[in-house]
C-alpha atoms as a PDB file:
ATOM      1  CA  MET A   1      -7.219  35.197 -32.688  1.00  0.00           C
ATOM      2  CA  GLN A   2      -4.638  32.443 -32.935  1.00  0.00           C
ATOM      3  CA  LYS A   3      -2.354  34.351 -30.549  1.00  0.00           C
ATOM      4  CA  THR A   4      -5.062  34.490 -27.905  1.00  0.00           C
ATOM      5  CA  GLN A   5      -5.610  30.751 -28.267  1.00  0.00           C
ATOM      6  CA  GLN A   6      -1.872  30.204 -27.840  1.00  0.00           C
ATOM      7  CA  LYS A   7      -1.864  32.411 -24.729  1.00  0.00           C
ATOM      8  CA  ILE A   8      -4.827  30.521 -23.310  1.00  0.00           C
ATOM      9  CA  LYS A   9      -3.066  27.223 -24.062  1.00  0.00           C
ATOM     10  CA  GLN A  10       0.120  28.480 -22.341  1.00  0.00           C
ATOM     11  CA  GLN A  11      -1.886  29.535 -19.281  1.00  0.00           C
ATOM     12  CA  GLU A  12      -3.615  26.152 -19.191  1.00  0.00           C
ATOM     13  CA  ASP A  13      -0.210  24.445 -19.437  1.00  0.00           C
ATOM     14  CA  LYS A  14       1.096  26.525 -16.527  1.00  0.00           C
ATOM     15  CA  LEU A  15      -1.965  25.707 -14.431  1.00  0.00           C
ATOM     16  CA  GLN A  16      -1.581  22.021 -15.243  1.00  0.00           C
ATOM     17  CA  TYR A  17       2.109  22.169 -14.301  1.00  0.00           C
ATOM     18  CA  PHE A  18       1.473  23.925 -10.977  1.00  0.00           C
ATOM     19  CA  GLY A  19      -1.484  21.651 -10.247  1.00  0.00           C
ATOM     20  CA  GLY A  20       0.774  18.664 -10.825  1.00  0.00           C
ATOM     21  CA  ILE A  21       3.335  20.105  -8.411  1.00  0.00           C
ATOM     22  CA  LEU A  22       0.646  20.622  -5.757  1.00  0.00           C
ATOM     23  CA  VAL A  23      -0.720  17.104  -6.188  1.00  0.00           C
ATOM     24  CA  ASP A  24       2.772  15.583  -6.018  1.00  0.00           C
ATOM     25  CA  THR A  25       3.580  17.633  -2.917  1.00  0.00           C
ATOM     26  CA  PHE A  26       0.417  16.434  -1.191  1.00  0.00           C
ATOM     27  CA  HIS A  27       1.081  12.880  -2.372  1.00  0.00           C
ATOM     28  CA  TYR A  28       4.606  12.759  -0.933  1.00  0.00           C
ATOM     29  CA  GLY A  29       3.585  14.582   2.238  1.00  0.00           C
ATOM     30  CA  ALA A  30       0.737  12.159   2.894  1.00  0.00           C
ATOM     31  CA  LEU A  31       2.966   9.155   2.201  1.00  0.00           C
ATOM     32  CA  PHE A  32       5.593  10.525   4.573  1.00  0.00           C
ATOM     33  CA  VAL A  33       3.000  11.051   7.313  1.00  0.00           C
ATOM     34  CA  ILE A  34       1.571   7.552   6.836  1.00  0.00           C
ATOM     35  CA  GLY A  35       5.066   6.025   6.791  1.00  0.00           C
ATOM     36  CA  ALA A  36       6.097   7.957   9.903  1.00  0.00           C
ATOM     37  CA  THR A  37       2.925   6.814  11.661  1.00  0.00           C
ATOM     38  CA  ILE A  38       3.688   3.186  10.823  1.00  0.00           C
ATOM     39  CA  VAL A  39       7.251   3.553  12.127  1.00  0.00           C
ATOM     40  CA  TRP A  40       6.028   5.334  15.256  1.00  0.00           C
ATOM     41  CA  SER A  41       3.408   2.671  15.951  1.00  0.00           C
ATOM     42  CA  SER A  42       5.810  -0.204  15.369  1.00  0.00           C
ATOM     43  CA  VAL A  43       8.467   1.351  17.617  1.00  0.00           C
ATOM     44  CA  TYR A  44       5.844   1.908  20.323  1.00  0.00           C
ATOM     45  CA  GLU A  45       4.722  -1.716  20.023  1.00  0.00           C
ATOM     46  CA  TYR A  46       8.325  -2.937  20.096  1.00  0.00           C
ATOM     47  CA  ILE A  47       9.046  -0.920  23.252  1.00  0.00           C
ATOM     48  CA  ALA A  48       5.957  -2.448  24.871  1.00  0.00           C
ATOM     49  CA  ILE A  49       7.222  -5.913  23.924  1.00  0.00           C
ATOM     50  CA  MET A  50      10.635  -5.141  25.400  1.00  0.00           C
ATOM     51  CA  GLU A  51       9.052  -3.907  28.644  1.00  0.00           C
ATOM     52  CA  GLN A  52       6.967  -7.076  28.796  1.00  0.00           C
ATOM     53  CA  GLY A  53      10.159  -9.137  28.572  1.00  0.00           C
ATOM     54  CA  TYR A  54       9.035 -11.509  25.831  1.00  0.00           C
ATOM     55  CA  ALA A  55       7.252 -11.466  22.498  1.00  0.00           C
ATOM     56  CA  GLY A  56       4.103 -13.501  22.153  1.00  0.00           C
ATOM     57  CA  LEU A  57       2.741 -14.791  18.876  1.00  0.00           C
ATOM     58  CA  LYS A  58       0.238 -11.924  18.672  1.00  0.00           C
ATOM     59  CA  ASP A  59       3.108  -9.422  19.037  1.00  0.00           C
ATOM     60  CA  ILE A  60       5.173 -11.060  16.308  1.00  0.00           C
ATOM     61  CA  LEU A  61       2.214 -11.189  13.937  1.00  0.00           C
ATOM     62  CA  LEU A  62       1.473  -7.527  14.638  1.00  0.00           C
ATOM     63  CA  LEU A  63       5.077  -6.639  13.829  1.00  0.00           C
ATOM     64  CA  PHE A  64       4.701  -8.522  10.538  1.00  0.00           C
ATOM     65  CA  ILE A  65       1.656  -6.397   9.746  1.00  0.00           C
ATOM     66  CA  TYR A  66       3.702  -3.255  10.412  1.00  0.00           C
ATOM     67  CA  LEU A  67       6.489  -4.628   8.208  1.00  0.00           C
ATOM     68  CA  GLU A  68       4.081  -5.297   5.345  1.00  0.00           C
ATOM     69  CA  LEU A  69       2.530  -1.841   5.694  1.00  0.00           C
ATOM     70  CA  GLY A  70       5.974  -0.251   5.638  1.00  0.00           C
ATOM     71  CA  ALA A  71       7.005  -2.261   2.594  1.00  0.00           C
ATOM     72  CA  MET A  72       3.800  -1.257   0.831  1.00  0.00           C
ATOM     73  CA  ILE A  73       4.464   2.443   1.531  1.00  0.00           C
ATOM     74  CA  GLY A  74       8.068   2.052   0.345  1.00  0.00           C
ATOM     75  CA  ILE A  75       6.993   0.439  -2.905  1.00  0.00           C
ATOM     76  CA  TYR A  76       4.362   3.129  -3.395  1.00  0.00           C
ATOM     77  CA  PHE A  77       7.027   5.820  -2.851  1.00  0.00           C
ATOM     78  CA  LYS A  78       9.285   4.273  -5.482  1.00  0.00           C
ATOM     79  CA  THR A  79       6.815   3.165  -8.139  1.00  0.00           C
ATOM     80  CA  HIS A  80       3.693   5.325  -7.619  1.00  0.00           C
ATOM     81  CA  ARG A  81       1.703   2.091  -7.761  1.00  0.00           C
ATOM     82  CA  LEU A  82      -0.072   0.308  -4.963  1.00  0.00           C
ATOM     83  CA  PRO A  83       0.619  -3.415  -5.152  1.00  0.00           C
ATOM     84  CA  VAL A  84      -2.634  -5.176  -4.390  1.00  0.00           C
ATOM     85  CA  GLN A  85      -0.713  -8.257  -3.305  1.00  0.00           C
ATOM     86  CA  PHE A  86       0.586  -6.410  -0.251  1.00  0.00           C
ATOM     87  CA  LEU A  87      -2.938  -5.496   0.794  1.00  0.00           C
ATOM     88  CA  ILE A  88      -3.878  -9.152   0.489  1.00  0.00           C
ATOM     89  CA  TYR A  89      -0.828 -10.229   2.509  1.00  0.00           C
ATOM     90  CA  ILE A  90      -1.807  -7.751   5.220  1.00  0.00           C
ATOM     91  CA  ALA A  91      -5.381  -9.060   5.237  1.00  0.00           C
ATOM     92  CA  ILE A  92      -4.181 -12.671   5.458  1.00  0.00           C
ATOM     93  CA  THR A  93      -1.820 -11.816   8.319  1.00  0.00           C
ATOM     94  CA  ALA A  94      -4.532  -9.892  10.178  1.00  0.00           C
ATOM     95  CA  LEU A  95      -7.029 -12.734   9.753  1.00  0.00           C
ATOM     96  CA  ALA A  96      -4.438 -15.293  10.853  1.00  0.00           C
ATOM     97  CA  ARG A  97      -3.610 -13.160  13.886  1.00  0.00           C
ATOM     98  CA  HIS A  98      -7.306 -12.961  14.750  1.00  0.00           C
ATOM     99  CA  LEU A  99      -7.709 -16.685  14.232  1.00  0.00           C
ATOM    100  CA  VAL A 100      -4.693 -17.645  16.341  1.00  0.00           C
ATOM    101  CA  ILE A 101      -5.035 -15.121  19.150  1.00  0.00           C
ATOM    102  CA  ASP A 102      -8.682 -14.210  19.565  1.00  0.00           C
ATOM    103  CA  MET A 103     -10.252 -17.581  18.832  1.00  0.00           C
ATOM    104  CA  GLN A 104      -8.324 -19.755  21.280  1.00  0.00           C
ATOM    105  CA  LYS A 105     -11.211 -20.340  23.653  1.00  0.00           C
ATOM    106  CA  VAL A 106     -14.064 -21.239  21.362  1.00  0.00           C
ATOM    107  CA  THR A 107     -17.068 -22.802  23.014  1.00  0.00           C
ATOM    108  CA  GLU A 108     -20.134 -21.366  21.370  1.00  0.00           C
ATOM    109  CA  GLN A 109     -21.518 -22.666  18.092  1.00  0.00           C
ATOM    110  CA  PHE A 110     -21.395 -19.147  16.626  1.00  0.00           C
ATOM    111  CA  HIS A 111     -17.640 -18.946  17.160  1.00  0.00           C
ATOM    112  CA  ILE A 112     -17.093 -22.230  15.366  1.00  0.00           C
ATOM    113  CA  TYR A 113     -18.846 -20.820  12.308  1.00  0.00           C
ATOM    114  CA  LEU A 114     -16.820 -17.627  12.650  1.00  0.00           C
ATOM    115  CA  ILE A 115     -13.620 -19.680  12.590  1.00  0.00           C
ATOM    116  CA  LEU A 116     -14.791 -21.446   9.435  1.00  0.00           C
ATOM    117  CA  VAL A 117     -15.601 -18.126   7.784  1.00  0.00           C
ATOM    118  CA  ILE A 118     -12.152 -16.753   8.663  1.00  0.00           C
ATOM    119  CA  VAL A 119     -10.432 -19.877   7.324  1.00  0.00           C
ATOM    120  CA  PHE A 120     -12.507 -19.659   4.140  1.00  0.00           C
ATOM    121  CA  ALA A 121     -11.585 -15.959   3.765  1.00  0.00           C
ATOM    122  CA  ILE A 122      -7.885 -16.800   4.121  1.00  0.00           C
ATOM    123  CA  LEU A 123      -8.307 -19.499   1.472  1.00  0.00           C
ATOM    124  CA  ILE A 124      -9.992 -17.082  -0.936  1.00  0.00           C
ATOM    125  CA  LEU A 125      -7.287 -14.454  -0.372  1.00  0.00           C
ATOM    126  CA  SER A 126      -4.579 -17.076  -0.922  1.00  0.00           C
ATOM    127  CA  LEU A 127      -6.230 -18.093  -4.180  1.00  0.00           C
ATOM    128  CA  ALA A 128      -6.314 -14.431  -5.195  1.00  0.00           C
ATOM    129  CA  ILE A 129      -2.533 -14.266  -4.676  1.00  0.00           C
ATOM    130  CA  LEU A 130      -2.155 -17.343  -6.884  1.00  0.00           C
ATOM    131  CA  VAL A 131      -4.284 -15.715  -9.580  1.00  0.00           C
ATOM    132  CA  PHE A 132      -2.164 -12.541  -9.406  1.00  0.00           C
ATOM    133  CA  ALA A 133       1.038 -14.586  -9.668  1.00  0.00           C
ATOM    134  CA  PHE A 134      -0.302 -16.593 -12.608  1.00  0.00           C
ATOM    135  CA  THR A 135      -1.523 -13.566 -14.527  1.00  0.00           C
ATOM    136  CA  ALA A 136       1.729 -11.676 -13.829  1.00  0.00           C
ATOM    137  CA  ARG A 137       3.746 -14.546 -15.303  1.00  0.00           C
ATOM    138  CA  ARG A 138       1.413 -15.063 -18.208  1.00  0.00           C
ATOM    139  CA  TYR A 139       0.531 -11.478 -19.147  1.00  0.00           C
ATOM    140  CA  GLY A 140       3.022  -9.313 -17.278  1.00  0.00           C
ATOM    141  CA  ARG A 141       2.381  -6.564 -14.756  1.00  0.00           C
ATOM    142  CA  PRO A 142       1.653  -2.900 -15.450  1.00  0.00           C
ATOM    143  CA  GLU A 143       4.716  -1.828 -13.444  1.00  0.00           C
ATOM    144  CA  ASP A 144       6.941  -3.889 -15.758  1.00  0.00           C
ATOM    145  CA  GLN A 145       5.981  -1.684 -18.691  1.00  0.00           C
ATOM    146  CA  ILE A 146       7.690   1.640 -19.149  1.00  0.00           C
ATOM    147  CA  ASP A 147       4.833   4.076 -19.319  1.00  0.00           C
ATOM    148  CA  SER A 148       6.165   6.977 -17.299  1.00  0.00           C
ATOM    149  CA  PRO A 149       7.737   9.848 -19.190  1.00  0.00           C
ATOM    150  CA  THR A 150      11.503  10.201 -19.207  1.00  0.00           C
ATOM    151  CA  GLU A 151      13.196  13.311 -17.855  1.00  0.00           C
ATOM    152  CA  ALA A 152      13.663  14.602 -21.415  1.00  0.00           C
ATOM    153  CA  GLN A 153       9.953  14.141 -22.104  1.00  0.00           C
ATOM    154  CA  LYS A 154       9.080  15.921 -18.852  1.00  0.00           C
ATOM    155  CA  ASP A 155      11.337  18.833 -19.770  1.00  0.00           C
ATOM    156  CA  ALA A 156       9.766  19.022 -23.228  1.00  0.00           C
ATOM    157  CA  ILE A 157       6.259  19.462 -21.803  1.00  0.00           C
ATOM    158  CA  LYS A 158       7.295  21.746 -18.938  1.00  0.00           C
ATOM    159  CA  PRO A 159       5.970  25.249 -19.631  1.00  0.00           C
ATOM    160  CA  ASP A 160       8.299  28.237 -19.689  1.00  0.00           C
ATOM    161  CA  ILE A 161       7.865  30.158 -16.496  1.00  0.00           C
END
């Protein structure tokens, strides 16, 4: 009876191992596709800027958004963690781009309130960045702790195939 339990445990370990391989393969494939799409889009935008002959403020801010997205994907590739700060930076840049570019000709009362809401949202997001920075200094960040298994630990739990 104990031998059957050991066999079942070995089969479960093998399934877990292969499942982990499949998940990692999908994870890296999806990240590669997203990263390639960001590069493709930014190159396309840059070519359009070059054809135009000059870069406007909206173009530069859009390139910053692409840069932040690319940096976020790169960090996610290396650390397997998604830094929330980068999402906030992207949101701030997108809101600033909207505020600077799309709200230049404000005449209606509604648009004035919309501008105030956007400015208030940027303020809240900026405060969130300050809170993240404060808590990271005070309490540390999860990525600073070593919680991923070493290669020796991975080899120890790898099932015999």
